[in-house]
């Protein structure tokens, strides 16, 4: 019997029934990615605007940020406040992503450089 291909269905042992707070899977089967450590002067963010799939609305995207959920939420909140616009943060395949509504590249570029984050685009 191959033990790598099994899944725990039920157990009376409380240690085996603990769930991950993020993905709600059992700890033994959790697929969450651990947060990366954040060093601001080592980050190089990519800045671009997108319209595709948004009903013609323009969104400024900051890509390739660290995969740290707390850092992304704080950065997104700060940038939304500086721009006076809405936005969101998420973790994608290449890293963290912050989306701000509208074409705010100049404001965002200045804000990121002041924080010590290098910007491309």
Protein backbone atom coordinates (compact mmCIF):
# COMPACT_ATOMS: atom_id res chain seq x y z
CA UNK A 1 0.00 0.00 0.00
CA UNK A 2 1.38 3.41 -0.99
CA UNK A 3 1.28 5.69 2.10
CA UNK A 4 2.04 8.87 0.09
CA UNK A 5 -1.33 8.68 -1.64
CA UNK A 6 -3.52 8.53 1.48
CA UNK A 7 -5.71 11.15 3.11
CA UNK A 8 -6.83 11.29 6.73
CA UNK A 9 -10.63 11.11 6.83
CA UNK A 10 -11.34 11.00 10.56
CA UNK A 11 -9.39 10.57 13.76
CA UNK A 12 -10.24 10.80 17.46
CA UNK A 13 -6.74 12.13 18.21
CA UNK A 14 -7.13 15.94 18.70
CA UNK A 15 -3.56 16.56 17.50
CA UNK A 16 -4.42 15.10 14.08
CA UNK A 17 -7.66 17.13 13.76
CA UNK A 18 -6.08 20.62 13.97
CA UNK A 19 -6.87 22.85 11.00
CA UNK A 20 -4.80 25.54 9.34
CA UNK A 21 -6.33 28.97 10.11
CA UNK A 22 -5.73 30.20 6.53
CA UNK A 23 -6.82 27.37 4.22
CA UNK A 24 -8.96 25.37 6.73
CA UNK A 25 -7.24 22.12 5.69
CA UNK A 26 -5.79 19.71 8.22
CA UNK A 27 -2.30 20.75 9.33
CA UNK A 28 -0.83 17.59 7.79
CA UNK A 29 -2.33 18.53 4.39
CA UNK A 30 -1.91 22.32 4.52
CA UNK A 31 -0.89 23.93 1.22
CA UNK A 32 -0.30 27.48 2.51
CA UNK A 33 2.96 29.20 1.63
CA UNK A 34 5.01 30.46 4.55
CA UNK A 35 5.51 34.23 4.70
CA UNK A 36 8.83 35.49 3.35
CA UNK A 37 10.98 37.81 5.40
CA UNK A 38 10.81 41.38 4.16
CA UNK A 39 13.92 43.52 3.62
CA UNK A 40 12.79 46.76 1.96
CA UNK A 41 16.08 47.69 0.27
CA UNK A 42 16.25 44.26 -1.44
CA UNK A 43 12.80 44.49 -3.06
CA UNK A 44 12.48 45.39 -6.75
CA UNK A 45 8.81 45.94 -7.59
CA UNK A 46 7.45 46.03 -11.13
CA UNK A 47 4.91 48.76 -11.87
CA UNK A 48 2.41 48.56 -14.76
CA UNK A 49 -1.15 49.47 -15.71
CA UNK A 50 -3.79 46.99 -16.87
CA UNK A 51 -7.24 47.29 -18.42
CA UNK A 52 -7.92 43.73 -19.57
CA UNK A 53 -10.78 41.96 -17.82
CA UNK A 54 -11.84 45.00 -15.82
CA UNK A 55 -14.58 46.46 -17.97
CA UNK A 56 -12.30 49.11 -19.47
CA UNK A 57 -11.26 50.47 -16.06
CA UNK A 58 -7.56 51.19 -15.53
CA UNK A 59 -5.72 49.56 -12.61
CA UNK A 60 -2.11 50.19 -11.55
CA UNK A 61 -0.43 46.90 -10.59
CA UNK A 62 2.66 46.58 -8.38
CA UNK A 63 4.04 43.09 -8.93
CA UNK A 64 6.85 40.83 -7.61
CA UNK A 65 6.57 41.97 -3.99
CA UNK A 66 7.44 39.57 -1.14
CA UNK A 67 4.93 36.82 -0.33
CA UNK A 68 4.19 38.20 3.15
CA UNK A 69 0.49 38.76 3.78
CA UNK A 70 0.87 41.26 6.63
CA UNK A 71 3.41 43.35 4.69
CA UNK A 72 1.17 43.40 1.59
CA UNK A 73 -1.92 44.50 3.52
CA UNK A 74 -0.04 47.31 5.28
CA UNK A 75 1.59 48.47 2.03
CA UNK A 76 -1.75 48.37 0.18
CA UNK A 77 -3.47 50.42 2.90
CA UNK A 78 -0.69 53.02 2.86
CA UNK A 79 -0.67 53.32 -0.94
CA UNK A 80 -4.48 53.55 -1.17
CA UNK A 81 -4.40 56.38 1.35
CA UNK A 82 -1.69 58.25 -0.58
CA UNK A 83 -3.55 57.89 -3.88
CA UNK A 84 -7.04 58.47 -2.54
CA UNK A 85 -8.24 55.40 -4.41
CA UNK A 86 -9.40 51.85 -3.78
CA UNK A 87 -7.31 48.77 -4.23
CA UNK A 88 -6.46 45.27 -3.07
CA UNK A 89 -3.52 43.03 -2.26
CA UNK A 90 -3.10 39.36 -3.12
CA UNK A 91 -0.46 36.67 -3.43
CA UNK A 92 0.14 35.46 -6.97
CA UNK A 93 2.44 32.92 -8.62
CA UNK A 94 5.42 35.32 -8.90
CA UNK A 95 4.94 36.93 -5.49
CA UNK A 96 2.82 39.56 -3.82
CA UNK A 97 0.65 41.90 -5.88
CA UNK A 98 -0.94 45.24 -4.99
CA UNK A 99 -3.60 46.70 -7.29
CA UNK A 100 -4.63 50.37 -7.04
CA UNK A 101 -7.58 51.75 -9.01
CA UNK A 102 -6.71 54.29 -11.71
CA UNK A 103 -3.44 55.31 -13.36
CA UNK A 104 -1.42 56.32 -10.29
CA UNK A 105 2.07 55.31 -11.47
CA UNK A 106 3.78 58.62 -10.60
CA UNK A 107 2.37 58.77 -7.06
CA UNK A 108 3.10 55.09 -6.41
CA UNK A 109 6.63 55.28 -7.82
CA UNK A 110 7.48 58.20 -5.48
CA UNK A 111 5.88 56.51 -2.45
CA UNK A 112 7.72 53.22 -3.04
CA UNK A 113 11.10 54.93 -3.55
CA UNK A 114 10.62 56.88 -0.30
CA UNK A 115 10.03 53.54 1.49
CA UNK A 116 13.31 52.19 0.07
CA UNK A 117 11.78 49.88 -2.52
CA UNK A 118 13.35 49.88 -6.00
CA UNK A 119 10.83 50.29 -8.85
CA UNK A 120 10.95 49.14 -12.46
CA UNK A 121 8.43 50.34 -14.98
